[in-house]
N, C-alpha and C. Protein backbone atom coordinates (compact mmCIF):
# COMPACT_ATOMS: atom_id res chain seq x y z
N UNK A 1 -2.47 -168.10 -107.44
CA UNK A 1 -2.05 -167.83 -106.08
C UNK A 1 -1.57 -166.38 -105.92
N UNK A 2 -0.94 -165.85 -106.98
CA UNK A 2 -0.41 -164.49 -106.89
C UNK A 2 -1.52 -163.46 -106.70
N UNK A 3 -2.68 -163.68 -107.35
CA UNK A 3 -3.77 -162.72 -107.19
C UNK A 3 -4.31 -162.75 -105.76
N UNK A 4 -4.24 -163.90 -105.13
CA UNK A 4 -4.64 -163.98 -103.72
C UNK A 4 -3.69 -163.12 -102.88
N UNK A 5 -2.39 -163.17 -103.20
CA UNK A 5 -1.42 -162.31 -102.51
C UNK A 5 -1.78 -160.83 -102.67
N UNK A 6 -2.18 -160.46 -103.88
CA UNK A 6 -2.51 -159.05 -104.14
C UNK A 6 -3.73 -158.63 -103.33
N UNK A 7 -4.74 -159.47 -103.31
CA UNK A 7 -5.97 -159.13 -102.57
C UNK A 7 -5.68 -159.03 -101.08
N UNK A 8 -4.95 -160.00 -100.54
CA UNK A 8 -4.61 -159.95 -99.11
C UNK A 8 -3.74 -158.74 -98.81
N UNK A 9 -2.79 -158.44 -99.70
CA UNK A 9 -1.94 -157.26 -99.51
C UNK A 9 -2.79 -155.99 -99.51
N UNK A 10 -3.77 -155.90 -100.39
CA UNK A 10 -4.66 -154.74 -100.42
C UNK A 10 -5.47 -154.61 -99.14
N UNK A 11 -5.97 -155.74 -98.64
CA UNK A 11 -6.74 -155.72 -97.40
C UNK A 11 -5.86 -155.34 -96.21
N UNK A 12 -4.61 -155.79 -96.23
CA UNK A 12 -3.69 -155.38 -95.17
C UNK A 12 -3.37 -153.89 -95.24
N UNK A 13 -3.37 -153.35 -96.44
CA UNK A 13 -3.19 -151.91 -96.60
C UNK A 13 -4.35 -151.16 -95.94
N UNK A 14 -5.56 -151.66 -96.12
CA UNK A 14 -6.74 -151.05 -95.48
C UNK A 14 -6.63 -151.17 -93.96
N UNK A 15 -6.20 -152.33 -93.48
CA UNK A 15 -6.01 -152.52 -92.04
C UNK A 15 -4.98 -151.54 -91.50
N UNK A 16 -3.90 -151.34 -92.25
CA UNK A 16 -2.85 -150.40 -91.84
C UNK A 16 -3.39 -148.99 -91.73
N UNK A 17 -4.19 -148.60 -92.69
CA UNK A 17 -4.78 -147.26 -92.68
C UNK A 17 -5.70 -147.11 -91.46
N UNK A 18 -6.43 -148.17 -91.15
CA UNK A 18 -7.30 -148.14 -89.98
C UNK A 18 -6.48 -147.99 -88.70
N UNK A 19 -5.36 -148.74 -88.60
CA UNK A 19 -4.49 -148.60 -87.43
C UNK A 19 -3.90 -147.20 -87.34
N UNK A 20 -3.57 -146.63 -88.49
CA UNK A 20 -3.01 -145.28 -88.50
C UNK A 20 -4.03 -144.27 -87.95
N UNK A 21 -5.28 -144.42 -88.37
CA UNK A 21 -6.32 -143.51 -87.89
C UNK A 21 -6.58 -143.72 -86.40
N UNK A 22 -6.63 -144.99 -85.96
CA UNK A 22 -6.80 -145.28 -84.53
C UNK A 22 -5.66 -144.67 -83.72
N UNK A 23 -4.43 -144.80 -84.25
CA UNK A 23 -3.26 -144.26 -83.56
C UNK A 23 -3.39 -142.75 -83.37
N UNK A 24 -3.85 -142.06 -84.41
CA UNK A 24 -4.04 -140.61 -84.31
C UNK A 24 -5.09 -140.27 -83.25
N UNK A 25 -6.18 -141.04 -83.21
CA UNK A 25 -7.22 -140.79 -82.21
C UNK A 25 -6.72 -141.04 -80.79
N UNK A 26 -6.01 -142.16 -80.61
CA UNK A 26 -5.48 -142.51 -79.29
C UNK A 26 -4.44 -141.48 -78.84
N UNK A 27 -3.57 -141.09 -79.76
CA UNK A 27 -2.54 -140.10 -79.45
C UNK A 27 -3.18 -138.76 -79.06
N UNK A 28 -4.23 -138.39 -79.77
CA UNK A 28 -4.92 -137.13 -79.48
C UNK A 28 -5.54 -137.15 -78.09
N UNK A 29 -6.04 -138.33 -77.68
CA UNK A 29 -6.65 -138.45 -76.36
C UNK A 29 -5.61 -138.64 -75.25
N UNK A 30 -4.36 -138.86 -75.63
CA UNK A 30 -3.30 -139.02 -74.64
C UNK A 30 -3.28 -140.38 -73.96
N UNK A 31 -3.81 -141.39 -74.61
CA UNK A 31 -3.83 -142.73 -74.03
C UNK A 31 -2.49 -143.44 -74.26
N UNK A 32 -2.24 -144.50 -73.51
CA UNK A 32 -0.95 -145.19 -73.54
C UNK A 32 -0.85 -146.27 -74.61
N UNK A 33 -1.91 -146.62 -75.30
CA UNK A 33 -1.90 -147.74 -76.24
C UNK A 33 -1.29 -147.40 -77.59
N UNK A 34 -0.76 -146.22 -77.76
CA UNK A 34 -0.31 -145.80 -79.08
C UNK A 34 0.87 -146.63 -79.59
N UNK A 35 1.74 -147.12 -78.70
CA UNK A 35 2.89 -147.93 -79.12
C UNK A 35 2.48 -149.23 -79.76
N UNK A 36 1.49 -149.88 -79.19
CA UNK A 36 0.99 -151.14 -79.74
C UNK A 36 0.38 -150.91 -81.12
N UNK A 37 -0.35 -149.83 -81.27
CA UNK A 37 -0.96 -149.54 -82.57
C UNK A 37 0.10 -149.26 -83.63
N UNK A 38 1.17 -148.60 -83.26
CA UNK A 38 2.25 -148.34 -84.22
C UNK A 38 2.88 -149.67 -84.67
N UNK A 39 3.10 -150.58 -83.73
CA UNK A 39 3.67 -151.88 -84.08
C UNK A 39 2.73 -152.64 -85.02
N UNK A 40 1.43 -152.65 -84.70
CA UNK A 40 0.46 -153.32 -85.57
C UNK A 40 0.44 -152.70 -86.96
N UNK A 41 0.49 -151.37 -87.01
CA UNK A 41 0.46 -150.66 -88.28
C UNK A 41 1.69 -151.02 -89.12
N UNK A 42 2.86 -150.98 -88.52
CA UNK A 42 4.09 -151.29 -89.25
C UNK A 42 4.09 -152.74 -89.73
N UNK A 43 3.64 -153.66 -88.89
CA UNK A 43 3.58 -155.07 -89.30
C UNK A 43 2.60 -155.29 -90.46
N UNK A 44 1.46 -154.62 -90.40
CA UNK A 44 0.48 -154.77 -91.48
C UNK A 44 1.02 -154.18 -92.78
N UNK A 45 1.65 -152.99 -92.71
CA UNK A 45 2.24 -152.39 -93.91
C UNK A 45 3.35 -153.28 -94.47
N UNK A 46 4.22 -153.78 -93.59
CA UNK A 46 5.34 -154.62 -94.04
C UNK A 46 4.84 -155.91 -94.69
N UNK A 47 3.84 -156.54 -94.09
CA UNK A 47 3.29 -157.77 -94.66
C UNK A 47 2.62 -157.48 -95.99
N UNK A 48 1.94 -156.36 -96.09
CA UNK A 48 1.31 -155.96 -97.34
C UNK A 48 2.35 -155.82 -98.45
N UNK A 49 3.44 -155.13 -98.14
CA UNK A 49 4.49 -154.93 -99.15
C UNK A 49 5.19 -156.24 -99.49
N UNK A 50 5.36 -157.12 -98.51
CA UNK A 50 5.97 -158.42 -98.77
C UNK A 50 5.11 -159.24 -99.74
N UNK A 51 3.81 -159.28 -99.48
CA UNK A 51 2.91 -160.02 -100.37
C UNK A 51 2.86 -159.39 -101.76
N UNK A 52 2.88 -158.07 -101.81
CA UNK A 52 2.91 -157.40 -103.11
C UNK A 52 4.18 -157.77 -103.86
N UNK A 53 5.29 -157.81 -103.17
CA UNK A 53 6.56 -158.20 -103.77
C UNK A 53 6.50 -159.62 -104.32
N UNK A 54 5.91 -160.53 -103.56
CA UNK A 54 5.77 -161.92 -104.02
C UNK A 54 4.91 -162.00 -105.29
N UNK A 55 3.85 -161.23 -105.32
CA UNK A 55 2.97 -161.24 -106.49
C UNK A 55 3.66 -160.66 -107.71
N UNK A 56 4.49 -159.64 -107.50
CA UNK A 56 5.16 -158.98 -108.62
C UNK A 56 6.22 -159.85 -109.29
N UNK A 57 6.57 -160.97 -108.67
CA UNK A 57 7.54 -161.87 -109.29
C UNK A 57 6.99 -162.52 -110.55
N UNK A 58 5.65 -162.66 -110.63
CA UNK A 58 5.06 -163.30 -111.81
C UNK A 58 3.99 -162.45 -112.50
N UNK A 59 3.41 -161.50 -111.80
CA UNK A 59 2.35 -160.68 -112.40
C UNK A 59 2.92 -159.38 -112.94
N UNK A 60 2.27 -158.79 -113.95
CA UNK A 60 2.75 -157.51 -114.47
C UNK A 60 2.55 -156.39 -113.45
N UNK A 61 3.56 -155.54 -113.32
CA UNK A 61 3.55 -154.48 -112.32
C UNK A 61 2.38 -153.52 -112.50
N UNK A 62 2.08 -153.15 -113.74
CA UNK A 62 1.06 -152.12 -113.97
C UNK A 62 -0.31 -152.55 -113.44
N UNK A 63 -0.71 -153.76 -113.72
CA UNK A 63 -2.02 -154.23 -113.27
C UNK A 63 -2.00 -154.54 -111.78
N UNK A 64 -0.94 -155.19 -111.34
CA UNK A 64 -0.84 -155.57 -109.93
C UNK A 64 -0.90 -154.36 -109.02
N UNK A 65 -0.13 -153.34 -109.35
CA UNK A 65 -0.12 -152.14 -108.51
C UNK A 65 -1.47 -151.43 -108.56
N UNK A 66 -2.10 -151.41 -109.72
CA UNK A 66 -3.41 -150.76 -109.83
C UNK A 66 -4.44 -151.47 -108.95
N UNK A 67 -4.43 -152.79 -108.97
CA UNK A 67 -5.38 -153.54 -108.15
C UNK A 67 -5.09 -153.32 -106.66
N UNK A 68 -3.82 -153.43 -106.28
CA UNK A 68 -3.43 -153.24 -104.88
C UNK A 68 -3.80 -151.85 -104.38
N UNK A 69 -3.46 -150.83 -105.14
CA UNK A 69 -3.77 -149.46 -104.70
C UNK A 69 -5.27 -149.19 -104.75
N UNK A 70 -5.97 -149.81 -105.71
CA UNK A 70 -7.43 -149.66 -105.77
C UNK A 70 -8.11 -150.25 -104.55
N UNK A 71 -7.66 -151.44 -104.15
CA UNK A 71 -8.22 -152.05 -102.94
C UNK A 71 -7.94 -151.16 -101.73
N UNK A 72 -6.72 -150.65 -101.64
CA UNK A 72 -6.37 -149.77 -100.52
C UNK A 72 -7.17 -148.48 -100.52
N UNK A 73 -7.32 -147.88 -101.70
CA UNK A 73 -8.05 -146.60 -101.79
C UNK A 73 -9.52 -146.77 -101.46
N UNK A 74 -10.16 -147.71 -102.14
CA UNK A 74 -11.59 -147.93 -101.92
C UNK A 74 -11.83 -148.42 -100.50
N UNK A 75 -11.00 -149.36 -100.04
CA UNK A 75 -11.15 -149.86 -98.68
C UNK A 75 -10.98 -148.77 -97.64
N UNK A 76 -10.00 -147.90 -97.84
CA UNK A 76 -9.79 -146.79 -96.91
C UNK A 76 -10.98 -145.86 -96.83
N UNK A 77 -11.56 -145.56 -97.98
CA UNK A 77 -12.73 -144.69 -98.00
C UNK A 77 -13.92 -145.38 -97.32
N UNK A 78 -14.11 -146.66 -97.63
CA UNK A 78 -15.24 -147.38 -97.02
C UNK A 78 -15.08 -147.52 -95.51
N UNK A 79 -13.87 -147.78 -95.04
CA UNK A 79 -13.64 -147.84 -93.58
C UNK A 79 -13.94 -146.47 -92.97
N UNK A 80 -13.52 -145.40 -93.62
CA UNK A 80 -13.80 -144.06 -93.11
C UNK A 80 -15.29 -143.78 -93.03
N UNK A 81 -16.02 -144.22 -94.04
CA UNK A 81 -17.47 -144.00 -94.05
C UNK A 81 -18.16 -144.86 -92.99
N UNK A 82 -17.82 -146.15 -92.97
CA UNK A 82 -18.52 -147.09 -92.09
C UNK A 82 -18.11 -146.94 -90.63
N UNK A 83 -16.81 -146.85 -90.41
CA UNK A 83 -16.31 -146.89 -89.03
C UNK A 83 -16.17 -145.52 -88.37
N UNK A 84 -15.84 -144.50 -89.17
CA UNK A 84 -15.54 -143.19 -88.57
C UNK A 84 -16.55 -142.11 -88.94
N UNK A 85 -17.64 -142.49 -89.58
CA UNK A 85 -18.72 -141.55 -89.85
C UNK A 85 -18.40 -140.46 -90.86
N UNK A 86 -17.46 -140.73 -91.77
CA UNK A 86 -17.15 -139.74 -92.80
C UNK A 86 -18.30 -139.67 -93.81
N UNK A 87 -18.32 -138.59 -94.55
CA UNK A 87 -19.40 -138.34 -95.51
C UNK A 87 -19.47 -139.44 -96.57
N UNK A 88 -20.71 -139.83 -96.88
CA UNK A 88 -20.95 -140.82 -97.93
C UNK A 88 -21.81 -140.19 -99.03
N UNK A 89 -21.49 -138.96 -99.40
CA UNK A 89 -22.31 -138.29 -100.39
C UNK A 89 -22.12 -138.93 -101.78
N UNK A 90 -22.98 -138.59 -102.68
CA UNK A 90 -23.01 -139.25 -103.99
C UNK A 90 -21.72 -139.01 -104.78
N UNK A 91 -21.08 -137.85 -104.57
CA UNK A 91 -19.84 -137.57 -105.31
C UNK A 91 -18.73 -138.55 -104.91
N UNK A 92 -18.60 -138.80 -103.63
CA UNK A 92 -17.59 -139.77 -103.16
C UNK A 92 -17.91 -141.17 -103.68
N UNK A 93 -19.17 -141.55 -103.65
CA UNK A 93 -19.55 -142.87 -104.12
C UNK A 93 -19.32 -143.03 -105.62
N UNK A 94 -19.54 -141.97 -106.39
CA UNK A 94 -19.25 -142.02 -107.83
C UNK A 94 -17.74 -142.19 -108.05
N UNK A 95 -16.94 -141.50 -107.27
CA UNK A 95 -15.48 -141.64 -107.40
C UNK A 95 -15.02 -143.05 -107.05
N UNK A 96 -15.60 -143.64 -106.01
CA UNK A 96 -15.28 -145.02 -105.66
C UNK A 96 -15.65 -145.95 -106.82
N UNK A 97 -16.83 -145.73 -107.39
CA UNK A 97 -17.25 -146.56 -108.53
C UNK A 97 -16.30 -146.41 -109.71
N UNK A 98 -15.79 -145.20 -109.94
CA UNK A 98 -14.84 -145.00 -111.04
C UNK A 98 -13.53 -145.73 -110.78
N UNK A 99 -13.06 -145.71 -109.54
CA UNK A 99 -11.83 -146.45 -109.21
C UNK A 99 -12.04 -147.93 -109.44
N UNK A 100 -13.15 -148.46 -108.94
CA UNK A 100 -13.43 -149.89 -109.11
C UNK A 100 -13.55 -150.26 -110.59
N UNK A 101 -14.28 -149.47 -111.34
CA UNK A 101 -14.44 -149.79 -112.77
C UNK A 101 -13.12 -149.68 -113.52
N UNK A 102 -12.27 -148.77 -113.13
CA UNK A 102 -10.95 -148.63 -113.78
C UNK A 102 -10.08 -149.84 -113.51
N UNK A 103 -10.07 -150.31 -112.28
CA UNK A 103 -9.26 -151.48 -111.93
C UNK A 103 -9.78 -152.71 -112.65
N UNK A 104 -11.09 -152.89 -112.66
CA UNK A 104 -11.68 -154.03 -113.38
C UNK A 104 -11.39 -153.92 -114.87
N UNK A 105 -11.52 -152.71 -115.43
CA UNK A 105 -11.22 -152.51 -116.83
C UNK A 105 -9.78 -152.84 -117.18
N UNK A 106 -8.85 -152.42 -116.34
CA UNK A 106 -7.44 -152.76 -116.57
C UNK A 106 -7.21 -154.26 -116.58
N UNK A 107 -7.85 -154.94 -115.66
CA UNK A 107 -7.71 -156.40 -115.59
C UNK A 107 -8.31 -157.06 -116.82
N UNK A 108 -9.43 -156.56 -117.30
CA UNK A 108 -10.10 -157.16 -118.46
C UNK A 108 -9.32 -156.98 -119.75
N UNK A 109 -8.65 -155.87 -119.90
CA UNK A 109 -7.92 -155.63 -121.16
C UNK A 109 -6.50 -156.18 -121.14
N UNK A 110 -6.11 -156.77 -120.03
CA UNK A 110 -4.75 -157.32 -119.94
C UNK A 110 -4.70 -158.76 -120.39
């Protein structure tokens, strides 16, 4: 169950990053929806940290944090590429693959 908490916490981290980027775009355009996005962002970050805290009660911190931050990092890059048209050049994709392989490797040797 704890690993499910970690995965959901990582996905909420990605959602938070997405809200943060949306907030910046809305704020730049001068629209009124920025307050709602800030609330959504804070709630997603808080829930992510709460789930991470629950997982850390039984899982080792080193692996748990690596998986959580890996999901957030890779997810953030993928959201940027897919949703916001950021560059998907081979160098970025190799770096994503290295992050994923490192997280999997840490889990396998634990």
